[in-house]
Protein backbone atom coordinates (compact mmCIF):
# COMPACT_ATOMS: atom_id res chain seq x y z
CA MET A 1 -29.48 149.90 -267.67
CA GLN A 2 -31.85 152.54 -266.22
CA THR A 3 -30.30 155.84 -265.16
CA MET A 4 -31.25 159.44 -264.63
CA GLY A 5 -27.97 160.45 -266.25
CA THR A 6 -28.83 162.47 -269.35
CA PRO A 7 -26.04 163.73 -271.64
CA PHE A 8 -26.45 167.15 -270.00
CA LEU A 9 -25.98 165.70 -266.49
CA TRP A 10 -22.93 163.69 -267.52
CA LEU A 11 -21.45 166.79 -269.17
CA ALA A 12 -22.15 168.94 -266.12
CA PHE A 13 -20.63 166.36 -263.76
CA SER A 14 -17.53 165.95 -265.96
CA GLY A 15 -17.09 169.72 -266.14
CA VAL A 16 -17.27 170.13 -262.35
CA VAL A 17 -14.78 167.30 -261.73
CA ILE A 18 -12.30 168.48 -264.38
CA ALA A 19 -12.47 172.09 -263.12
CA ALA A 20 -11.97 170.96 -259.52
CA LEU A 21 -9.00 168.75 -260.42
CA LEU A 22 -7.37 171.49 -262.50
CA ALA A 23 -7.79 173.99 -259.66
CA ASP A 24 -6.32 171.47 -257.23
CA LEU A 25 -3.33 170.74 -259.48
CA VAL A 26 -2.67 174.42 -260.20
CA LEU A 27 -2.76 175.35 -256.52
CA MET A 28 -0.58 172.38 -255.61
CA ARG A 29 2.01 173.29 -258.28
CA HIS A 30 1.91 176.94 -257.18
CA GLY A 31 2.69 175.90 -253.61
CA GLY A 32 5.42 173.50 -254.77
CA PRO A 33 6.38 170.29 -252.96
CA HIS A 34 5.82 170.92 -249.25
CA LYS A 35 4.67 169.27 -246.07
CA VAL A 36 0.90 169.70 -245.82
CA SER A 37 -0.13 171.13 -242.47
CA PHE A 38 -3.19 170.07 -240.51
CA LYS A 39 -4.77 173.49 -241.11
CA GLU A 40 -4.25 173.30 -244.87
CA ALA A 41 -5.65 169.75 -244.99
CA ALA A 42 -8.67 170.82 -242.92
CA TRP A 43 -9.49 173.67 -245.31
CA TRP A 44 -9.13 171.39 -248.33
CA SER A 45 -11.36 168.79 -246.67
CA VAL A 46 -14.03 171.38 -245.99
CA GLY A 47 -13.79 172.56 -249.59
CA TRP A 48 -14.21 169.07 -251.08
CA VAL A 49 -17.17 168.28 -248.80
CA ALA A 50 -18.77 171.64 -249.64
CA LEU A 51 -18.34 170.95 -253.37
CA ALA A 52 -19.99 167.52 -252.99
CA MET A 53 -22.90 168.98 -251.02
CA ALA A 54 -23.34 171.78 -253.56
CA PHE A 55 -23.50 169.23 -256.37
CA ASN A 56 -25.96 167.17 -254.33
CA GLY A 57 -28.13 170.24 -253.82
CA TRP A 58 -28.09 171.06 -257.51
CA LEU A 59 -28.86 167.43 -258.40
CA TRP A 60 -31.81 167.44 -255.97
CA TRP A 61 -33.13 170.68 -257.50
CA TYR A 62 -32.69 169.41 -261.06
CA ALA A 63 -34.43 166.09 -260.34
CA SER A 64 -37.24 167.85 -258.49
CA GLN A 65 -37.86 170.16 -261.45
CA ARG A 66 -37.76 167.39 -264.05
CA LEU A 67 -39.18 164.37 -262.20
CA GLY A 68 -41.14 165.87 -259.30
CA PRO A 69 -40.42 166.61 -255.61
CA ALA A 70 -40.63 162.96 -254.48
CA ALA A 71 -38.11 161.82 -257.09
CA GLY A 72 -35.86 164.78 -256.26
CA ASN A 73 -35.86 163.88 -252.56
CA ALA A 74 -35.06 160.24 -253.39
CA VAL A 75 -32.16 161.22 -255.66
CA GLY A 76 -30.78 163.64 -253.06
CA MET A 77 -30.91 161.02 -250.30
CA GLU A 78 -29.38 158.31 -252.51
CA PHE A 79 -26.45 160.55 -253.41
CA LEU A 80 -25.92 161.63 -249.80
CA THR A 81 -26.07 158.06 -248.47
CA GLY A 82 -23.72 156.76 -251.16
CA TYR A 83 -21.32 159.62 -250.50
CA LEU A 84 -21.33 158.98 -246.74
CA VAL A 85 -20.78 155.22 -247.19
CA GLU A 86 -17.87 155.75 -249.60
CA LYS A 87 -16.39 158.51 -247.42
CA ALA A 88 -16.52 156.25 -244.38
CA LEU A 89 -15.01 153.25 -246.16
CA ALA A 90 -12.30 155.51 -247.60
CA VAL A 91 -10.93 155.91 -244.07
CA ASP A 92 -9.71 152.32 -244.29
CA ASN A 93 -7.80 153.34 -247.43
CA ILE A 94 -6.11 156.05 -245.41
CA PHE A 95 -4.78 153.57 -242.86
CA VAL A 96 -3.27 151.42 -245.63
CA PHE A 97 -1.83 154.51 -247.37
CA LEU A 98 -0.15 155.47 -244.11
CA MET A 99 1.34 152.00 -243.88
CA LEU A 100 2.61 152.25 -247.48
CA PHE A 101 4.26 155.63 -246.93
CA SER A 102 5.85 154.40 -243.72
CA TYR A 103 7.01 151.11 -245.28
CA PHE A 104 8.71 152.90 -248.19
CA ALA A 105 9.81 155.89 -246.09
CA VAL A 106 8.24 158.32 -248.58
CA PRO A 107 9.52 161.86 -247.94
CA GLU A 108 6.84 164.31 -246.78
CA LEU A 109 7.53 166.54 -249.79
CA GLN A 110 6.63 163.75 -252.26
CA ARG A 111 3.48 162.44 -250.62
CA GLN A 112 1.21 164.94 -252.36
CA ARG A 113 2.45 163.93 -255.81
CA ALA A 114 2.00 160.23 -255.07
CA LEU A 115 -1.55 160.74 -253.79
CA VAL A 116 -2.61 162.96 -256.70
CA ILE A 117 -1.47 160.45 -259.33
CA GLY A 118 -2.95 157.59 -257.34
CA ILE A 119 -6.33 159.32 -257.01
CA LEU A 120 -6.50 160.16 -260.72
CA GLY A 121 -5.91 156.50 -261.52
CA ALA A 122 -8.49 155.48 -258.92
CA ILE A 123 -11.20 157.62 -260.54
CA VAL A 124 -10.66 155.95 -263.94
CA LEU A 125 -10.55 152.42 -262.50
CA ARG A 126 -13.63 152.98 -260.34
CA ALA A 127 -15.59 154.29 -263.32
CA VAL A 128 -14.79 151.07 -265.19
CA LEU A 129 -15.83 148.91 -262.21
CA ILE A 130 -19.06 150.86 -261.68
CA PHE A 131 -20.21 150.60 -265.30
CA ALA A 132 -19.29 146.90 -265.35
CA GLY A 133 -21.27 146.35 -262.15
CA ALA A 134 -24.27 148.30 -263.44
CA LEU A 135 -24.25 146.31 -266.68
CA LEU A 136 -24.17 143.03 -264.75
CA LEU A 137 -27.05 144.11 -262.49
CA SER A 138 -29.16 145.20 -265.45
CA LYS A 139 -28.85 141.73 -266.99
CA PHE A 140 -28.59 139.47 -263.94
CA HIS A 141 -30.58 140.57 -260.87
CA TRP A 142 -29.18 137.69 -258.82
CA VAL A 143 -25.76 139.40 -258.85
CA LEU A 144 -27.16 141.54 -256.02
CA TYR A 145 -27.15 138.46 -253.81
CA LEU A 146 -23.52 137.77 -254.69
CA PHE A 147 -22.65 141.37 -253.79
CA GLY A 148 -24.55 141.06 -250.50
CA ALA A 149 -22.88 137.78 -249.54
CA PHE A 150 -19.47 139.22 -250.46
CA LEU A 151 -20.03 142.32 -248.30
CA LEU A 152 -21.23 140.19 -245.39
CA PHE A 153 -18.16 137.95 -245.66
CA THR A 154 -15.84 140.97 -246.02
CA GLY A 155 -17.39 142.70 -242.99
CA ILE A 156 -16.89 139.62 -240.79
CA LYS A 157 -13.32 139.23 -242.05
CA MET A 158 -12.62 142.93 -241.40
CA TRP A 159 -14.00 142.61 -237.86
CA ARG A 160 -11.69 139.69 -237.11
CA ALA A 161 -8.67 141.52 -238.57
CA ALA A 162 -9.40 144.79 -236.71
CA GLY A 163 -6.73 145.64 -234.19
CA GLN A 164 -4.07 143.55 -235.91
CA GLU A 165 -1.02 145.23 -237.40
CA PRO A 166 -1.20 144.98 -241.23
CA SER A 167 1.89 143.90 -243.13
CA LEU A 168 3.13 144.39 -246.68
CA ASP A 169 5.77 141.69 -246.53
CA ASP A 170 3.46 139.02 -247.99
CA ASN A 171 1.74 141.25 -250.55
CA PRO A 172 1.89 139.34 -253.89
CA VAL A 173 1.84 142.49 -256.06
CA LEU A 174 4.71 144.06 -254.13
CA ARG A 175 6.71 140.82 -254.22
CA TRP A 176 6.26 140.52 -257.98
CA MET A 177 7.24 144.14 -258.62
CA THR A 178 10.37 144.01 -256.50
CA ALA A 179 11.39 140.76 -258.25
CA HIS A 180 10.71 141.86 -261.85
CA VAL A 181 10.95 145.67 -261.95
CA PRO A 182 14.45 147.21 -261.86
CA PHE A 183 14.20 149.88 -259.22
CA LEU A 184 16.52 152.08 -257.23
CA ARG A 185 16.89 151.99 -253.47
CA ARG A 186 16.68 155.75 -252.98
CA TYR A 187 14.47 158.63 -254.05
CA HIS A 188 15.38 161.13 -256.78
CA GLY A 189 13.12 164.05 -255.93
CA SER A 190 9.75 163.68 -257.65
CA ALA A 191 11.14 161.49 -260.48
CA LEU A 192 9.41 158.17 -261.11
CA TRP A 193 12.34 156.68 -263.02
CA ILE A 194 15.89 157.41 -264.08
CA GLY A 195 17.41 156.60 -267.49
CA GLN A 196 15.85 155.48 -270.77
CA GLY A 197 15.13 152.20 -272.53
CA ARG A 198 16.74 149.12 -271.05
CA ARG A 199 18.79 151.29 -268.72
CA ARG A 200 15.66 152.73 -267.11
CA LYS A 201 15.35 152.12 -263.38
CA TYR A 202 12.32 153.02 -261.30
CA THR A 203 12.39 154.96 -258.06
CA PRO A 204 10.57 153.85 -254.90
CA LEU A 205 8.01 156.60 -255.64
CA PHE A 206 6.92 154.69 -258.75
CA ILE A 207 6.39 151.51 -256.69
CA VAL A 208 4.37 153.47 -254.13
CA ILE A 209 2.06 154.98 -256.77
CA ILE A 210 1.39 151.54 -258.29
CA MET A 211 0.64 150.13 -254.84
CA LEU A 212 -1.71 153.05 -254.10
CA GLY A 213 -3.69 152.22 -257.24
CA VAL A 214 -3.78 148.49 -256.46
CA THR A 215 -4.88 149.19 -252.90
CA ASP A 216 -7.67 151.49 -254.02
CA VAL A 217 -8.98 148.90 -256.52
CA ILE A 218 -9.03 146.29 -253.74
CA PHE A 219 -11.05 148.57 -251.50
CA ALA A 220 -13.29 149.64 -254.39
CA VAL A 221 -14.34 146.01 -254.75
CA ASP A 222 -15.81 146.38 -251.24
CA SER A 223 -17.22 149.90 -251.44
CA ILE A 224 -18.80 149.88 -254.91
CA PRO A 225 -21.15 146.94 -254.19
CA ALA A 226 -22.06 148.74 -250.96
CA ILE A 227 -23.32 151.75 -252.93
CA PHE A 228 -25.21 149.48 -255.35
CA ALA A 229 -27.20 148.38 -252.27
CA ILE A 230 -28.42 151.97 -252.00
CA THR A 231 -29.12 152.64 -255.68
CA THR A 232 -28.49 150.83 -258.96
CA ASP A 233 -28.39 154.05 -260.98
CA PRO A 234 -24.81 154.21 -262.35
CA PHE A 235 -24.95 158.02 -262.50
CA ILE A 236 -25.62 158.38 -258.76
CA VAL A 237 -23.20 155.57 -257.90
CA LEU A 238 -20.37 157.11 -259.93
CA THR A 239 -20.93 160.74 -258.93
CA SER A 240 -21.16 160.00 -255.18
CA ASN A 241 -18.13 157.71 -255.46
CA VAL A 242 -15.98 160.20 -257.36
CA PHE A 243 -16.80 163.13 -255.07
CA ALA A 244 -15.82 160.99 -252.06
CA VAL A 245 -12.52 159.97 -253.72
CA LEU A 246 -11.69 163.56 -254.68
CA GLY A 247 -11.28 164.46 -251.02
CA LEU A 248 -9.09 161.45 -250.27
CA ARG A 249 -5.79 163.36 -250.44
CA ALA A 250 -6.96 166.06 -248.03
CA MET A 251 -8.41 163.40 -245.73
CA PHE A 252 -5.06 161.59 -245.69
CA PHE A 253 -3.15 164.63 -244.45
CA LEU A 254 -5.97 165.41 -242.01
CA LEU A 255 -5.91 161.95 -240.41
CA GLN A 256 -2.24 160.94 -240.74
CA GLY A 257 -1.43 162.24 -237.28
CA MET A 258 -4.61 160.91 -235.67
CA ALA A 259 -4.88 157.34 -237.00
CA ASP A 260 -4.21 155.82 -233.56
CA ARG A 261 -6.96 157.92 -231.98
CA PHE A 262 -9.62 156.21 -234.13
CA HIS A 263 -8.55 152.65 -233.26
CA LEU A 264 -12.16 151.40 -233.04
CA LEU A 265 -13.14 152.75 -236.44
CA PRO A 266 -12.24 149.50 -238.31
CA TYR A 267 -14.88 147.74 -236.19
CA GLY A 268 -17.41 150.38 -237.21
CA LEU A 269 -16.52 149.97 -240.89
CA ALA A 270 -16.90 146.21 -240.54
CA LEU A 271 -20.40 146.67 -239.08
CA VAL A 272 -21.30 148.99 -241.95
CA LEU A 273 -20.33 146.32 -244.49
CA VAL A 274 -22.28 143.65 -242.58
CA PHE A 275 -25.34 145.92 -242.37
CA ILE A 276 -25.24 146.74 -246.09
CA GLY A 277 -24.61 143.09 -246.98
CA ILE A 278 -27.70 141.98 -245.03
CA LYS A 279 -29.70 144.83 -246.55
CA MET A 280 -28.72 143.66 -250.03
CA LEU A 281 -29.54 140.01 -249.29
CA LEU A 282 -33.03 141.00 -248.11
CA ILE A 283 -33.69 143.52 -250.88
CA ASP A 284 -36.46 141.45 -252.54
CA LEU A 285 -38.15 140.73 -249.20
CA TYR A 286 -37.95 144.19 -247.64
CA LYS A 287 -36.53 147.40 -249.07
CA LEU A 288 -35.08 149.44 -246.23
CA PRO A 289 -35.91 153.17 -246.55
CA ILE A 290 -32.96 155.27 -247.68
CA LEU A 291 -33.30 157.65 -244.73
CA LEU A 292 -33.07 154.72 -242.30
CA SER A 293 -30.00 153.38 -244.12
CA LEU A 294 -28.34 156.81 -243.94
CA GLY A 295 -29.12 157.13 -240.23
CA THR A 296 -27.82 153.64 -239.45
CA VAL A 297 -24.52 154.19 -241.28
CA ALA A 298 -24.04 157.60 -239.63
CA LEU A 299 -24.85 156.14 -236.19
CA ILE A 300 -22.37 153.26 -236.59
CA ILE A 301 -19.52 155.47 -237.79
CA GLY A 302 -20.25 158.21 -235.26
CA SER A 303 -20.38 155.70 -232.40
CA ALA A 304 -17.07 154.12 -233.45
CA ILE A 305 -15.38 157.54 -233.54
CA ALA A 306 -16.91 158.63 -230.21
CA LEU A 307 -15.95 155.37 -228.46
CA SER A 308 -12.40 155.66 -229.85
CA LEU A 309 -12.07 159.10 -228.27
CA LEU A 310 -13.72 158.07 -225.00
CA ARG A 311 -11.63 154.90 -224.68
CA PRO A 312 -8.15 155.74 -226.01
CA LYS A 313 -5.97 152.92 -227.26
CA GLN A 314 -3.87 151.44 -224.49
CA THR A 315 -0.15 151.53 -225.20
CA ALA A 316 2.16 149.06 -223.56
CA THR A 317 4.38 150.66 -220.94
CA PRO A 318 7.91 149.34 -220.55
CA THR A 319 8.50 147.48 -217.31
CA ALA A 320 11.31 148.51 -215.06
CA PRO A 321 14.24 146.09 -214.93
């Protein structure tokens, strides 16, 4: 498994992530449970993006000093492309998170807590998936073709499902939990359960957090192979992935009131997966330049957003009796 990740780089990355998470948790606790405003979410989003770009800049400088300018440029572009791909695909997570919070009628004051715990779990699970994927690729090159075919199939499936209202009623995980886990029908503040031992009963907030983690793992199965199409270095894959996930909570509160305005975005995300799937299937015949990959992904996502704003979603108007 070839990687640029030296012990120093892994330590530096871990330090930055831990410090950022601690600062986030301290500030969130200081503010107490509250409804996150659009302005607050916007500032947090800018902060997380700035942190990711600062780390990318430092990584580019470090690689340029140690491996040469050409290698530094390649590392910088790989991180940026992976970050953009994961950030774009994370928008689909947001739509499902919104559906979860609406389905379980999660109070505004408890949404921050649910997202924080869910994101912490997502970082751990994604790290496991990334190292497992990197290990497979280092031993079996043909796994790349499986990843490519899977992304192509997922992109086509996502395109066909775009525009349809998702439903949780048939979700097997949710059905199993509601049938086997003793849970209460109402919220108890920020508590995840009430009682001890056999008398313990779980609140709806506990169910929501579990479903957030399950949902993120499902989407990670799509997004992680997409980043492996850009680079097979587990250090770059993990760092770009984690920095994109760190801003997920702020992105949720930023987009929760505007989800309907980006109604064409699922089509754009589907095209991104199809493009990356084809790129991965052709990797041994033609290696697409990273800059061209970055430009294509940015163009697809930007076009989907622009078209969504130019052609607003048509809402059915009630007919007069």
